Amino acid sequence: MNCKHLAEVRDPAPRTPQGCAECLAAGGKWVALRICRTCGHVGCCDNSPGKHATKHFHASEHPLIRSFGADEHWTWCYVDKRYVA
């Protein structure tokens, strides 16, 4: 099964390269970071207390995130619920 959302992949600049936008604003902490491949929102992963990357997906319906760590290189599609690249 191919992910039709791959056609929407962009590599926008991170809006908050220093970390999760919501955690930074609230003084929260994160485990790992994800970047939205549509708009560049940086949010924390689902192992983090805020789960802001997933919350961004639900609010925006932007389907693809990428790991935002130097040692990880993958893309996840929330809609298809699978790694796509």
N, C-alpha and C. Protein backbone atom coordinates (compact mmCIF):
# COMPACT_ATOMS: atom_id res chain seq x y z
N MET A 1 0.84 -1.18 0.00
CA MET A 1 0.00 0.00 0.00
C MET A 1 0.88 1.25 0.00
N ASN A 2 0.67 2.09 -0.95
CA ASN A 2 1.41 3.35 -1.02
C ASN A 2 0.67 4.43 -0.25
N CYS A 3 1.43 5.33 0.31
CA CYS A 3 0.84 6.45 1.03
C CYS A 3 0.63 7.59 0.04
N LYS A 4 -0.62 7.95 -0.19
CA LYS A 4 -0.91 9.04 -1.12
C LYS A 4 -0.44 10.38 -0.59
N HIS A 5 -0.18 10.46 0.71
CA HIS A 5 0.24 11.72 1.32
C HIS A 5 1.69 12.08 1.03
N LEU A 6 2.47 11.11 0.53
CA LEU A 6 3.87 11.41 0.20
C LEU A 6 3.98 12.50 -0.85
N ALA A 7 2.96 12.64 -1.68
CA ALA A 7 2.98 13.71 -2.68
C ALA A 7 2.92 15.08 -2.02
N GLU A 8 2.50 15.13 -0.74
CA GLU A 8 2.39 16.39 -0.01
C GLU A 8 3.65 16.74 0.78
N VAL A 9 4.66 15.87 0.71
CA VAL A 9 5.87 16.08 1.51
C VAL A 9 6.58 17.36 1.09
N ARG A 10 6.86 18.14 2.09
CA ARG A 10 7.71 19.33 1.93
C ARG A 10 8.73 19.26 3.05
N ASP A 11 9.71 20.07 2.99
CA ASP A 11 10.68 20.16 4.08
C ASP A 11 10.75 21.60 4.54
N PRO A 12 9.69 22.07 5.21
CA PRO A 12 9.69 23.45 5.69
C PRO A 12 10.71 23.64 6.81
N ALA A 13 11.14 24.85 6.97
CA ALA A 13 12.04 25.18 8.08
C ALA A 13 11.28 25.01 9.39
N PRO A 14 11.95 24.52 10.43
CA PRO A 14 11.28 24.39 11.72
C PRO A 14 10.89 25.76 12.28
N ARG A 15 9.67 25.86 12.75
CA ARG A 15 9.21 27.14 13.31
C ARG A 15 9.88 27.44 14.65
N THR A 16 10.17 26.40 15.41
CA THR A 16 10.87 26.57 16.69
C THR A 16 12.01 25.55 16.73
N PRO A 17 13.14 25.85 16.10
CA PRO A 17 14.23 24.88 16.03
C PRO A 17 14.81 24.51 17.40
N GLN A 18 14.54 25.32 18.41
CA GLN A 18 15.07 25.04 19.74
C GLN A 18 14.24 24.00 20.51
N GLY A 19 13.05 23.63 20.00
CA GLY A 19 12.28 22.59 20.66
C GLY A 19 10.79 22.68 20.39
N CYS A 20 10.03 21.91 21.15
CA CYS A 20 8.57 21.85 21.01
C CYS A 20 7.97 23.21 21.31
N ALA A 21 7.19 23.72 20.39
CA ALA A 21 6.61 25.07 20.52
C ALA A 21 5.78 25.21 21.78
N GLU A 22 4.88 24.25 22.02
CA GLU A 22 4.00 24.34 23.18
C GLU A 22 4.75 24.13 24.50
N CYS A 23 5.68 23.19 24.52
CA CYS A 23 6.47 22.96 25.74
C CYS A 23 7.33 24.17 26.07
N LEU A 24 7.92 24.77 25.06
CA LEU A 24 8.72 25.97 25.29
C LEU A 24 7.87 27.09 25.89
N ALA A 25 6.66 27.25 25.37
CA ALA A 25 5.77 28.31 25.85
C ALA A 25 5.31 28.06 27.28
N ALA A 26 5.13 26.78 27.65
CA ALA A 26 4.60 26.44 28.97
C ALA A 26 5.68 26.03 29.98
N GLY A 27 6.92 25.97 29.52
CA GLY A 27 7.99 25.52 30.40
C GLY A 27 8.01 24.02 30.60
N GLY A 28 7.44 23.28 29.65
CA GLY A 28 7.38 21.82 29.74
C GLY A 28 8.65 21.15 29.24
N LYS A 29 8.66 19.84 29.34
CA LYS A 29 9.81 19.03 28.90
C LYS A 29 9.33 18.00 27.88
N TRP A 30 10.25 17.54 27.06
CA TRP A 30 9.93 16.54 26.05
C TRP A 30 10.96 15.44 26.04
N VAL A 31 10.58 14.30 25.44
CA VAL A 31 11.48 13.16 25.28
C VAL A 31 12.18 13.25 23.93
N ALA A 32 11.40 13.42 22.87
CA ALA A 32 11.92 13.53 21.50
C ALA A 32 11.01 14.47 20.72
N LEU A 33 11.54 14.97 19.62
CA LEU A 33 10.81 15.96 18.82
C LEU A 33 10.44 15.44 17.45
N ARG A 34 9.35 15.98 16.92
CA ARG A 34 8.85 15.67 15.57
C ARG A 34 8.57 16.99 14.87
N ILE A 35 8.75 16.99 13.54
CA ILE A 35 8.46 18.20 12.76
C ILE A 35 7.39 17.86 11.72
N CYS A 36 6.41 18.73 11.60
CA CYS A 36 5.35 18.58 10.61
C CYS A 36 5.94 18.84 9.24
N ARG A 37 5.72 17.93 8.31
CA ARG A 37 6.27 18.07 6.97
C ARG A 37 5.41 18.95 6.08
N THR A 38 4.34 19.51 6.62
CA THR A 38 3.51 20.46 5.89
C THR A 38 3.86 21.89 6.26
N CYS A 39 3.95 22.17 7.56
CA CYS A 39 4.10 23.57 7.98
C CYS A 39 5.33 23.88 8.84
N GLY A 40 6.05 22.86 9.29
CA GLY A 40 7.25 23.11 10.09
C GLY A 40 7.02 23.22 11.59
N HIS A 41 5.80 22.93 12.05
CA HIS A 41 5.54 22.93 13.50
C HIS A 41 6.43 21.87 14.15
N VAL A 42 7.09 22.23 15.24
CA VAL A 42 7.89 21.29 16.01
C VAL A 42 7.11 20.94 17.27
N GLY A 43 6.85 19.66 17.44
CA GLY A 43 6.12 19.19 18.61
C GLY A 43 6.80 17.99 19.23
N CYS A 44 6.43 17.70 20.46
CA CYS A 44 7.03 16.57 21.17
C CYS A 44 6.31 15.27 20.82
N CYS A 45 7.03 14.17 20.98
CA CYS A 45 6.53 12.84 20.62
C CYS A 45 5.49 12.33 21.61
N ASP A 46 4.90 11.19 21.31
CA ASP A 46 3.87 10.61 22.17
C ASP A 46 4.42 10.03 23.46
N ASN A 47 5.72 9.89 23.60
CA ASN A 47 6.32 9.48 24.87
C ASN A 47 6.54 10.68 25.79
N SER A 48 6.31 11.86 25.29
CA SER A 48 6.43 13.09 26.07
C SER A 48 5.09 13.39 26.73
N PRO A 49 5.09 14.08 27.87
CA PRO A 49 3.83 14.37 28.55
C PRO A 49 2.81 15.12 27.70
N GLY A 50 3.26 16.08 26.88
CA GLY A 50 2.33 16.89 26.11
C GLY A 50 1.80 16.28 24.83
N LYS A 51 2.55 15.35 24.23
CA LYS A 51 2.16 14.71 22.96
C LYS A 51 1.74 15.76 21.93
N HIS A 52 2.51 16.83 21.82
CA HIS A 52 2.10 17.97 20.99
C HIS A 52 2.17 17.72 19.49
N ALA A 53 3.02 16.82 19.02
CA ALA A 53 3.04 16.52 17.59
C ALA A 53 1.71 15.89 17.15
N THR A 54 1.21 14.95 17.94
CA THR A 54 -0.06 14.31 17.62
C THR A 54 -1.22 15.30 17.77
N LYS A 55 -1.16 16.14 18.79
CA LYS A 55 -2.20 17.16 18.96
C LYS A 55 -2.22 18.12 17.77
N HIS A 56 -1.04 18.43 17.24
CA HIS A 56 -0.96 19.29 16.05
C HIS A 56 -1.65 18.61 14.87
N PHE A 57 -1.41 17.31 14.70
CA PHE A 57 -2.07 16.58 13.61
C PHE A 57 -3.60 16.67 13.74
N HIS A 58 -4.11 16.43 14.94
CA HIS A 58 -5.57 16.45 15.13
C HIS A 58 -6.15 17.85 14.89
N ALA A 59 -5.40 18.87 15.23
CA ALA A 59 -5.89 20.24 15.03
C ALA A 59 -5.75 20.71 13.58
N SER A 60 -4.70 20.27 12.91
CA SER A 60 -4.38 20.79 11.57
C SER A 60 -4.73 19.83 10.44
N GLU A 61 -4.79 18.53 10.75
CA GLU A 61 -4.95 17.46 9.76
C GLU A 61 -3.77 17.38 8.80
N HIS A 62 -2.61 17.90 9.18
CA HIS A 62 -1.38 17.72 8.39
C HIS A 62 -0.90 16.29 8.63
N PRO A 63 -0.85 15.45 7.60
CA PRO A 63 -0.70 14.01 7.80
C PRO A 63 0.71 13.50 8.13
N LEU A 64 1.75 14.22 7.76
CA LEU A 64 3.10 13.66 7.86
C LEU A 64 3.98 14.39 8.85
N ILE A 65 4.69 13.59 9.66
CA ILE A 65 5.73 14.15 10.53
C ILE A 65 7.04 13.43 10.23
N ARG A 66 8.12 14.09 10.59
CA ARG A 66 9.46 13.52 10.45
C ARG A 66 10.11 13.62 11.82
N SER A 67 11.00 12.68 12.09
CA SER A 67 11.77 12.77 13.32
C SER A 67 12.58 14.07 13.26
N PHE A 68 12.76 14.71 14.40
CA PHE A 68 13.51 15.94 14.46
C PHE A 68 14.70 15.74 15.40
N GLY A 69 15.43 14.67 15.09
CA GLY A 69 16.63 14.34 15.84
C GLY A 69 17.74 13.99 14.88
N ALA A 70 18.93 14.31 15.26
CA ALA A 70 20.08 14.09 14.37
C ALA A 70 20.31 12.61 14.08
N ASP A 71 19.90 11.73 15.00
CA ASP A 71 20.17 10.31 14.85
C ASP A 71 18.99 9.51 14.29
N GLU A 72 17.91 10.17 13.91
CA GLU A 72 16.74 9.50 13.37
C GLU A 72 16.37 10.10 12.02
N HIS A 73 15.95 9.22 11.09
CA HIS A 73 15.58 9.69 9.75
C HIS A 73 14.40 8.87 9.24
N TRP A 74 13.20 9.28 9.60
CA TRP A 74 11.99 8.58 9.16
C TRP A 74 10.84 9.57 9.06
N THR A 75 9.80 9.15 8.35
CA THR A 75 8.56 9.92 8.23
C THR A 75 7.41 9.01 8.59
N TRP A 76 6.44 9.55 9.34
CA TRP A 76 5.25 8.81 9.78
C TRP A 76 4.02 9.49 9.20
N CYS A 77 3.09 8.68 8.71
CA CYS A 77 1.81 9.19 8.24
C CYS A 77 0.75 8.86 9.28
N TYR A 78 0.16 9.90 9.87
CA TYR A 78 -0.89 9.70 10.86
C TYR A 78 -2.14 9.07 10.24
N VAL A 79 -2.44 9.45 9.01
CA VAL A 79 -3.66 8.95 8.36
C VAL A 79 -3.54 7.46 8.06
N ASP A 80 -2.43 7.06 7.45
CA ASP A 80 -2.22 5.65 7.10
C ASP A 80 -1.65 4.83 8.24
N LYS A 81 -1.24 5.51 9.33
CA LYS A 81 -0.70 4.86 10.52
C LYS A 81 0.48 3.94 10.18
N ARG A 82 1.46 4.54 9.47
CA ARG A 82 2.65 3.75 9.14
C ARG A 82 3.81 4.64 8.75
N TYR A 83 5.01 4.07 8.86
CA TYR A 83 6.21 4.74 8.39
C TYR A 83 6.21 4.72 6.87
N VAL A 84 6.53 5.84 6.27
CA VAL A 84 6.46 5.91 4.81
C VAL A 84 7.79 6.26 4.16
N ALA A 85 8.73 6.73 4.90
CA ALA A 85 10.05 7.04 4.32
C ALA A 85 11.07 7.14 5.42
